Structure formats: C-alpha cells, structure tokens
Amino acid sequence: MEYKERIIELLQSKMTERGFKLWKGIDSMLPDTWSKPTSSTGKYHKKMNGEVPNQDEHVYQLLYCTSKIMRLFGIENKTTDADKLLMAIALHDTMKYGQFGTRKHSDKMHDKLGADMVSANRSTFLELLTEEQFQTMEEAMRFHSGRWSTDIPNGKPFSFKDYNPETLFVHILDMMSTADLIQTDMRE
C-alpha cells in the first residue's frame, strides 16, 4: 500500500466523518505534490540509507505518530479536537512547492502560505471547528518550522512559550521526521 493510501486510511479512521470529508475536499483542490521530495535539493530530510522521502511518506510519519500519542493532549479519535490536530499535520506542507505546486525548489515561505490558505477559508473550517480549535490548527501550520518560521513578527525572538502546545508538538514531529527518527508500520 502506498503512503497516500495509508494517509487516507488513517485520517478516515481517526477523524470525524465531517472532518475527513473536509480534508478530502481540500486535498482534491490542492496541487498534487505528494510524490515530490521533502527536500528539493536532496540536502535535507535524508533517511539513513541516503534517500530523501517524498511528501506523502513524511506526512504519513507525522500522522502515524500523532495517532499513537495524541492522547497526551487528552484527544480522542473521531472528535473535532482530533480533526484539528490531524488536519494541521496533513496540511502543514501543502504549499511546500508553492501555491500551484509548480516550483522547482521548495518554497521557504510554505509555512506562511499554507496557514494563509487555511486562514482565507476560515468560515469553512468554522463549520466544523470552534474558533479556538481553528486558531490552534492555523497556528500549528504557520509556525511548524519553529524558529525558522517565516511569519515570526519582525524583531521578536521566537519562543514556544508564546504558542499553543500543539504548535511545538507539530514542530517536534516535523524535526524528528527530518532527522529520520520516526518509525511507522511501513518498515523497509
């Protein structure tokens, strides 16, 4: 089974029916960059064997890990809290190759672009999520790059003390995947 199929299966089993339907609708409108490498230059995200994973493998790693430990936030499957966290992760790198997915190299501002896309569709998300859940999801996407996030207010030092715990969580998982530290049920 391919990683994209695993992503679909995992999200469908963990999200509410409405949340999963919303994600599928969003995914169908976004450029298909699932098979593009997580590092366009091959310099980052290297696995132990030297390969660079594709976007779908990277996102699956984060989703798989989250599905196993989201109870640390008191989040249960099939709740809008699960939707909020899983959606943030599923969408965090959707703009990695730009708004249309056509850039040759990954876009350093993909965190901002992805969060801006979500923010522009706020009313749609608020049909599913509360205002607080939406803000947490959007923030986790906007600052998933941690201190390298492109939307940090000018002149302000970055500190996770200023953000929701979920934002730190997504960043840690992203960094762990980048360093090839996450194992899933898709073992080589």
Protein backbone atom coordinates (compact mmCIF):
# COMPACT_ATOMS: atom_id res chain seq x y z
CA MET A 1 0.00 0.00 0.00
CA GLU A 2 1.30 3.45 -0.92
CA TYR A 3 1.79 6.22 1.63
CA LYS A 4 -1.04 8.37 0.23
CA GLU A 5 -3.42 5.43 0.61
CA ARG A 6 -2.21 5.00 4.19
CA ILE A 7 -2.80 8.70 4.86
CA ILE A 8 -6.37 8.40 3.62
CA GLU A 9 -6.98 5.24 5.65
CA LEU A 10 -5.50 6.74 8.82
CA LEU A 11 -7.41 10.02 8.55
CA GLN A 12 -10.67 8.25 7.83
CA SER A 13 -10.24 6.04 10.90
CA LYS A 14 -9.25 8.85 13.29
CA MET A 15 -11.19 11.93 12.13
CA THR A 16 -14.89 12.68 12.37
CA GLU A 17 -16.83 11.94 9.22
CA ARG A 18 -17.28 15.68 8.55
CA GLY A 19 -13.59 16.40 9.26
CA PHE A 20 -12.42 13.67 6.91
CA LYS A 21 -14.84 14.87 4.20
CA LEU A 22 -13.47 18.42 4.57
CA TRP A 23 -9.86 17.20 4.32
CA LYS A 24 -10.68 15.15 1.20
CA GLY A 25 -12.31 18.19 -0.40
CA ILE A 26 -9.31 20.39 0.41
CA ASP A 27 -6.86 17.76 -0.82
CA SER A 28 -8.73 17.46 -4.13
CA MET A 29 -8.38 21.22 -4.72
CA LEU A 30 -4.70 21.49 -3.80
CA PRO A 31 -1.87 20.76 -6.23
CA ASP A 32 -0.79 17.13 -6.02
CA THR A 33 2.69 17.33 -4.54
CA TRP A 34 2.50 14.08 -2.56
CA SER A 35 5.14 12.39 -4.74
CA LYS A 36 7.59 15.31 -4.63
CA PRO A 37 10.62 15.01 -2.34
CA THR A 38 10.56 16.67 1.08
CA SER A 39 13.86 18.31 0.14
CA SER A 40 14.05 19.55 -3.43
CA THR A 41 17.85 19.76 -3.27
CA GLY A 42 18.32 16.42 -1.53
CA LYS A 43 20.29 18.22 1.17
CA TYR A 44 17.77 17.76 3.99
CA HIS A 45 15.39 15.07 5.25
CA LYS A 46 17.82 12.27 4.36
CA LYS A 47 17.00 8.83 5.64
CA MET A 48 19.68 6.53 6.99
CA ASN A 49 20.08 4.94 3.55
CA GLY A 50 20.66 8.37 1.94
CA GLU A 51 17.28 8.58 0.22
CA VAL A 52 15.05 11.62 0.58
CA PRO A 53 11.42 10.68 1.30
CA ASN A 54 8.51 12.08 -0.65
CA GLN A 55 5.91 14.38 0.88
CA ASP A 56 3.44 11.53 1.38
CA GLU A 57 5.92 9.46 3.40
CA HIS A 58 6.84 12.47 5.55
CA VAL A 59 3.22 13.41 6.26
CA TYR A 60 2.31 9.79 6.96
CA GLN A 61 5.12 9.57 9.53
CA LEU A 62 3.76 12.60 11.39
CA LEU A 63 0.16 11.41 11.20
CA TYR A 64 1.03 7.88 12.30
CA CYS A 65 3.00 9.16 15.29
CA THR A 66 0.23 11.61 16.21
CA SER A 67 -2.45 8.94 16.02
CA LYS A 68 -0.50 6.88 18.54
CA ILE A 69 0.21 9.63 21.07
CA MET A 70 -2.42 12.38 20.70
CA ARG A 71 -3.91 11.19 23.96
CA LEU A 72 -1.12 13.22 25.61
CA PHE A 73 -3.37 16.21 24.84
CA GLY A 74 -6.45 14.29 26.05
CA ILE A 75 -7.57 13.99 22.41
CA GLU A 76 -9.74 11.05 21.44
CA ASN A 77 -10.33 9.65 17.96
CA LYS A 78 -13.36 10.83 16.00
CA THR A 79 -13.55 14.21 17.74
CA THR A 80 -13.13 17.71 16.37
CA ASP A 81 -10.00 18.01 18.52
CA ALA A 82 -8.58 15.06 16.56
CA ASP A 83 -9.71 16.79 13.34
CA LYS A 84 -7.89 19.98 14.37
CA LEU A 85 -4.56 18.28 15.06
CA LEU A 86 -4.62 15.76 12.21
CA MET A 87 -5.71 18.46 9.74
CA ALA A 88 -2.84 20.74 10.82
CA ILE A 89 -0.39 17.92 10.17
CA ALA A 90 -1.99 16.71 6.94
CA LEU A 91 -1.91 20.27 5.56
CA HIS A 92 1.35 21.61 7.05
CA ASP A 93 3.46 21.14 3.89
CA THR A 94 0.76 21.53 1.23
CA MET A 95 2.40 24.68 -0.11
CA LYS A 96 5.96 23.33 0.00
CA TYR A 97 6.23 23.72 -3.78
CA GLY A 98 4.31 26.99 -3.90
CA GLN A 99 0.65 27.83 -4.29
CA PHE A 100 0.36 25.90 -7.55
CA GLY A 101 2.84 23.14 -6.71
CA THR A 102 4.97 24.06 -9.71
CA ARG A 103 8.12 25.48 -8.12
CA LYS A 104 11.31 23.61 -8.94
CA HIS A 105 12.57 24.04 -5.39
CA SER A 106 10.64 24.07 -2.15
CA ASP A 107 9.28 27.42 -1.01
CA LYS A 108 10.87 28.73 2.19
CA MET A 109 7.60 30.52 2.94
CA HIS A 110 5.46 27.37 2.66
CA ASP A 111 4.51 27.56 6.35
CA LYS A 112 3.03 31.05 5.89
CA LEU A 113 1.43 30.17 2.54
CA GLY A 114 -0.29 27.09 3.97
CA ALA A 115 -1.55 28.93 7.04
CA ASP A 116 -2.71 31.86 4.89
CA MET A 117 -4.66 29.42 2.69
CA VAL A 118 -6.35 27.99 5.78
CA SER A 119 -6.97 31.47 7.18
CA ALA A 120 -8.58 32.60 3.91
CA ASN A 121 -11.04 29.71 4.27
CA ARG A 122 -11.73 30.33 7.96
CA SER A 123 -15.53 30.31 7.59
CA THR A 124 -15.44 26.84 6.04
CA PHE A 125 -13.32 25.48 8.88
CA LEU A 126 -15.58 27.14 11.46
CA GLU A 127 -18.45 24.97 10.20
CA LEU A 128 -16.52 22.09 11.79
CA LEU A 129 -14.20 23.58 14.41
CA THR A 130 -14.63 26.07 17.22
CA GLU A 131 -12.80 29.40 16.96
CA GLU A 132 -10.18 28.16 19.44
CA GLN A 133 -9.66 24.88 17.56
CA PHE A 134 -9.31 26.77 14.29
CA GLN A 135 -6.76 29.19 15.76
CA THR A 136 -4.74 26.29 17.18
CA MET A 137 -4.72 24.47 13.83
CA GLU A 138 -3.78 27.58 11.87
CA GLU A 139 -1.02 28.49 14.35
CA ALA A 140 0.43 24.96 14.28
CA MET A 141 0.69 25.23 10.50
CA ARG A 142 2.04 28.79 10.48
CA PHE A 143 4.80 28.06 12.99
CA HIS A 144 5.53 24.37 12.31
CA SER A 145 9.05 25.41 11.28
CA GLY A 146 9.73 26.72 14.80
CA ARG A 147 12.42 29.37 14.93
CA TRP A 148 12.78 29.13 11.15
CA SER A 149 9.10 30.03 10.57
CA THR A 150 8.74 32.85 8.08
CA ASP A 151 5.86 34.63 9.82
CA ILE A 152 7.56 35.43 13.11
CA PRO A 153 6.85 39.09 13.94
CA ASN A 154 9.81 41.30 12.99
CA GLY A 155 12.31 41.85 15.75
CA LYS A 156 10.61 39.44 18.13
CA PRO A 157 12.69 36.50 19.33
CA PHE A 158 10.91 33.19 18.75
CA SER A 159 9.83 31.24 21.83
CA PHE A 160 7.39 28.34 22.03
CA LYS A 161 6.15 29.88 25.30
CA ASP A 162 4.17 32.26 23.06
CA TYR A 163 2.34 29.45 21.23
CA ASN A 164 -0.02 26.54 21.83
CA PRO A 165 1.46 23.17 22.87
CA GLU A 166 0.20 21.67 19.60
CA THR A 167 2.44 24.05 17.66
CA LEU A 168 5.51 22.75 19.49
CA PHE A 169 4.24 19.20 19.01
CA VAL A 170 3.93 19.57 15.21
CA HIS A 171 7.38 21.19 15.06
CA ILE A 172 8.98 18.40 17.09
CA LEU A 173 7.43 15.71 14.90
CA ASP A 174 8.50 17.59 11.78
CA MET A 175 12.08 17.80 13.07
CA MET A 176 12.06 14.13 14.10
CA SER A 177 10.93 13.13 10.61
CA THR A 178 13.59 15.36 9.07
CA ALA A 179 16.21 13.58 11.20
CA ASP A 180 14.81 10.13 10.25
CA LEU A 181 13.77 9.37 13.83
CA ILE A 182 10.20 8.16 13.28
CA GLN A 183 9.25 4.55 12.66
CA THR A 184 5.83 3.59 11.36
CA ASP A 185 4.13 0.38 10.34
CA MET A 186 5.71 0.87 6.88
CA ARG A 187 9.11 -0.62 7.65
CA GLU A 188 11.66 -1.10 4.92
